[in-house]
Amino acid sequence: MLLIRCPYCEAERPEVEFTYAGEAHIARPADPSALSDDEWRDFLFIRTNPRGRHFERWRHMHGCGRFFNAVRDTVTDKFSMTYKAGAPRPSDEEIALASSAAADSAAAPAAASVKDARP
């Protein structure tokens, strides 16, 4: 089971509490009525489907109910970071920093439990 961190609740919760809400950082057209049918179709339905890093919107459906953004690797299904809706797309450095911090915090309790188990 995946654990996803809600940036509003500031807690990691099981994936069943969340709902995928599509690609993040999609700008709505300034004048939708000026778009052709094909352009409107492309805005509504055509999205990138990258292999690797992907910026996504999620909703903490069975928690605070708020939308937030996430950076997830579509190959490994690993979340690099989550951040509040409306925040700008994070840089590569910010993503790397968040990923390493998450890996360190995940390894720390395991290391502590092994250390505590010794006589």
C-alpha atoms as a PDB file:
ATOM      1  CA  MET A   1       0.000   0.000   0.000  1.00  0.00           C
ATOM      2  CA  LEU A   2       1.217   3.482  -0.848  1.00  0.00           C
ATOM      3  CA  LEU A   3       1.454   6.179   1.773  1.00  0.00           C
ATOM      4  CA  ILE A   4       0.741   9.683   0.497  1.00  0.00           C
ATOM      5  CA  ARG A   5       1.582  12.819   2.469  1.00  0.00           C
ATOM      6  CA  CYS A   6      -1.175  15.428   2.563  1.00  0.00           C
ATOM      7  CA  PRO A   7       0.504  18.864   2.686  1.00  0.00           C
ATOM      8  CA  TYR A   8      -2.510  20.320   4.515  1.00  0.00           C
ATOM      9  CA  CYS A   9      -2.949  17.619   7.175  1.00  0.00           C
ATOM     10  CA  GLU A  10       0.862  17.246   7.332  1.00  0.00           C
ATOM     11  CA  ALA A  11       0.546  13.489   7.704  1.00  0.00           C
ATOM     12  CA  GLU A  12       1.145  10.388   5.616  1.00  0.00           C
ATOM     13  CA  ARG A  13      -2.056   8.469   5.040  1.00  0.00           C
ATOM     14  CA  PRO A  14      -2.920   5.303   3.060  1.00  0.00           C
ATOM     15  CA  GLU A  15      -3.652   5.721  -0.631  1.00  0.00           C
ATOM     16  CA  VAL A  16      -7.307   4.661  -0.215  1.00  0.00           C
ATOM     17  CA  GLU A  17      -7.982   8.068   1.373  1.00  0.00           C
ATOM     18  CA  PHE A  18      -6.975   9.876  -1.836  1.00  0.00           C
ATOM     19  CA  THR A  19      -8.378  10.346  -5.321  1.00  0.00           C
ATOM     20  CA  TYR A  20      -6.334  11.096  -8.434  1.00  0.00           C
ATOM     21  CA  ALA A  21      -7.524  14.325 -10.074  1.00  0.00           C
ATOM     22  CA  GLY A  22      -5.466  14.546 -13.269  1.00  0.00           C
ATOM     23  CA  GLU A  23      -2.403  16.373 -14.452  1.00  0.00           C
ATOM     24  CA  ALA A  24      -1.276  19.419 -12.452  1.00  0.00           C
ATOM     25  CA  HIS A  25      -0.460  22.911 -13.689  1.00  0.00           C
ATOM     26  CA  ILE A  26      -2.926  22.953 -16.599  1.00  0.00           C
ATOM     27  CA  ALA A  27      -3.826  26.564 -17.377  1.00  0.00           C
ATOM     28  CA  ARG A  28      -7.447  27.183 -18.329  1.00  0.00           C
ATOM     29  CA  PRO A  29      -7.876  29.119 -21.607  1.00  0.00           C
ATOM     30  CA  ALA A  30      -8.467  32.843 -21.067  1.00  0.00           C
ATOM     31  CA  ASP A  31     -11.394  32.830 -23.523  1.00  0.00           C
ATOM     32  CA  PRO A  32     -12.827  29.312 -23.882  1.00  0.00           C
ATOM     33  CA  SER A  33     -15.503  30.486 -26.317  1.00  0.00           C
ATOM     34  CA  ALA A  34     -12.777  31.491 -28.793  1.00  0.00           C
ATOM     35  CA  LEU A  35     -11.477  27.917 -29.042  1.00  0.00           C
ATOM     36  CA  SER A  36     -12.412  25.608 -31.867  1.00  0.00           C
ATOM     37  CA  ASP A  37     -14.033  22.281 -31.025  1.00  0.00           C
ATOM     38  CA  ASP A  38     -10.711  20.506 -31.584  1.00  0.00           C
ATOM     39  CA  GLU A  39      -8.826  22.967 -29.360  1.00  0.00           C
ATOM     40  CA  TRP A  40     -11.461  22.602 -26.624  1.00  0.00           C
ATOM     41  CA  ARG A  41     -11.285  18.801 -26.900  1.00  0.00           C
ATOM     42  CA  ASP A  42      -7.492  18.944 -26.579  1.00  0.00           C
ATOM     43  CA  PHE A  43      -7.739  21.167 -23.487  1.00  0.00           C
ATOM     44  CA  LEU A  44     -10.269  18.897 -21.804  1.00  0.00           C
ATOM     45  CA  PHE A  45      -8.947  15.456 -22.676  1.00  0.00           C
ATOM     46  CA  ILE A  46      -5.438  15.419 -24.108  1.00  0.00           C
ATOM     47  CA  ARG A  47      -2.779  15.167 -21.415  1.00  0.00           C
ATOM     48  CA  THR A  48       0.827  14.128 -21.255  1.00  0.00           C
ATOM     49  CA  ASN A  49       1.511  10.592 -20.141  1.00  0.00           C
ATOM     50  CA  PRO A  50       5.226  10.610 -19.396  1.00  0.00           C
ATOM     51  CA  ARG A  51       7.340   7.697 -18.379  1.00  0.00           C
ATOM     52  CA  GLY A  52       9.024   8.923 -15.209  1.00  0.00           C
ATOM     53  CA  ARG A  53       8.401  12.160 -13.316  1.00  0.00           C
ATOM     54  CA  HIS A  54       4.844  13.456 -13.550  1.00  0.00           C
ATOM     55  CA  PHE A  55       3.142  16.439 -11.888  1.00  0.00           C
ATOM     56  CA  GLU A  56      -0.320  15.444 -10.683  1.00  0.00           C
ATOM     57  CA  ARG A  57      -3.324  16.764  -8.760  1.00  0.00           C
ATOM     58  CA  TRP A  58      -4.735  14.685  -5.939  1.00  0.00           C
ATOM     59  CA  ARG A  59      -7.576  15.137  -3.470  1.00  0.00           C
ATOM     60  CA  HIS A  60      -7.553  13.980   0.142  1.00  0.00           C
ATOM     61  CA  MET A  61     -11.097  12.693  -0.276  1.00  0.00           C
ATOM     62  CA  HIS A  62     -11.463  10.892   3.070  1.00  0.00           C
ATOM     63  CA  GLY A  63      -9.485  13.434   5.063  1.00  0.00           C
ATOM     64  CA  CYS A  64      -9.437  17.213   4.774  1.00  0.00           C
ATOM     65  CA  GLY A  65     -11.061  17.083   1.313  1.00  0.00           C
ATOM     66  CA  ARG A  66      -8.555  19.516  -0.199  1.00  0.00           C
ATOM     67  CA  PHE A  67      -6.776  19.327  -3.542  1.00  0.00           C
ATOM     68  CA  PHE A  68      -2.983  19.330  -3.666  1.00  0.00           C
ATOM     69  CA  ASN A  69      -0.222  18.635  -6.161  1.00  0.00           C
ATOM     70  CA  ALA A  70       2.250  15.778  -6.184  1.00  0.00           C
ATOM     71  CA  VAL A  71       5.371  14.745  -8.042  1.00  0.00           C
ATOM     72  CA  ARG A  72       5.197  11.015  -8.759  1.00  0.00           C
ATOM     73  CA  ASP A  73       7.347   8.660 -10.808  1.00  0.00           C
ATOM     74  CA  THR A  74       5.013   6.730 -13.112  1.00  0.00           C
ATOM     75  CA  VAL A  75       7.483   3.839 -13.441  1.00  0.00           C
ATOM     76  CA  THR A  76       8.096   3.153  -9.747  1.00  0.00           C
ATOM     77  CA  ASP A  77       4.842   4.720  -8.464  1.00  0.00           C
ATOM     78  CA  LYS A  78       6.960   6.548  -5.859  1.00  0.00           C
ATOM     79  CA  PHE A  79       5.908  10.006  -4.694  1.00  0.00           C
ATOM     80  CA  SER A  80       8.862  12.406  -4.630  1.00  0.00           C
ATOM     81  CA  MET A  81       6.939  15.192  -2.916  1.00  0.00           C
ATOM     82  CA  THR A  82       3.537  16.772  -2.398  1.00  0.00           C
ATOM     83  CA  TYR A  83       2.773  20.478  -2.182  1.00  0.00           C
ATOM     84  CA  LYS A  84      -0.222  22.765  -1.772  1.00  0.00           C
ATOM     85  CA  ALA A  85      -2.471  23.644  -4.691  1.00  0.00           C
ATOM     86  CA  GLY A  86      -1.636  27.001  -6.206  1.00  0.00           C
ATOM     87  CA  ALA A  87       2.067  26.687  -5.424  1.00  0.00           C
ATOM     88  CA  PRO A  88       4.403  26.915  -8.417  1.00  0.00           C
ATOM     89  CA  ARG A  89       5.887  23.798  -9.972  1.00  0.00           C
ATOM     90  CA  PRO A  90       8.948  22.845  -7.890  1.00  0.00           C
ATOM     91  CA  SER A  91      12.436  22.916  -9.379  1.00  0.00           C
ATOM     92  CA  ASP A  92      14.553  19.797  -9.877  1.00  0.00           C
ATOM     93  CA  GLU A  93      16.622  20.789  -6.824  1.00  0.00           C
ATOM     94  CA  GLU A  94      13.523  21.116  -4.615  1.00  0.00           C
ATOM     95  CA  ILE A  95      12.269  17.716  -5.760  1.00  0.00           C
ATOM     96  CA  ALA A  96      15.643  16.076  -5.104  1.00  0.00           C
ATOM     97  CA  LEU A  97      15.837  17.670  -1.660  1.00  0.00           C
ATOM     98  CA  ALA A  98      12.301  16.524  -0.757  1.00  0.00           C
ATOM     99  CA  SER A  99      13.007  12.997  -2.019  1.00  0.00           C
ATOM    100  CA  SER A 100      16.192  12.667   0.013  1.00  0.00           C
ATOM    101  CA  ALA A 101      14.495  14.074   3.136  1.00  0.00           C
ATOM    102  CA  ALA A 102      11.642  11.566   2.765  1.00  0.00           C
ATOM    103  CA  ALA A 103      14.107   8.697   2.301  1.00  0.00           C
ATOM    104  CA  ASP A 104      16.052   9.793   5.397  1.00  0.00           C
ATOM    105  CA  SER A 105      12.921  10.010   7.547  1.00  0.00           C
ATOM    106  CA  ALA A 106      11.704   6.609   6.335  1.00  0.00           C
ATOM    107  CA  ALA A 107      15.064   4.987   7.128  1.00  0.00           C
ATOM    108  CA  ALA A 108      15.454   6.622  10.553  1.00  0.00           C
ATOM    109  CA  PRO A 109      12.648   4.728  12.369  1.00  0.00           C
ATOM    110  CA  ALA A 110      13.818   1.420  10.907  1.00  0.00           C
ATOM    111  CA  ALA A 111      17.380   2.079  12.042  1.00  0.00           C
ATOM    112  CA  ALA A 112      16.154   3.131  15.479  1.00  0.00           C
ATOM    113  CA  SER A 113      14.058  -0.018  15.900  1.00  0.00           C
ATOM    114  CA  VAL A 114      16.997  -2.238  14.974  1.00  0.00           C
ATOM    115  CA  LYS A 115      19.227  -0.344  17.389  1.00  0.00           C
ATOM    116  CA  ASP A 116      16.585  -0.532  20.155  1.00  0.00           C
ATOM    117  CA  ALA A 117      16.214  -4.294  19.670  1.00  0.00           C
ATOM    118  CA  ARG A 118      19.819  -4.946  20.655  1.00  0.00           C
ATOM    119  CA  PRO A 119      20.601  -5.848  24.267  1.00  0.00           C
END
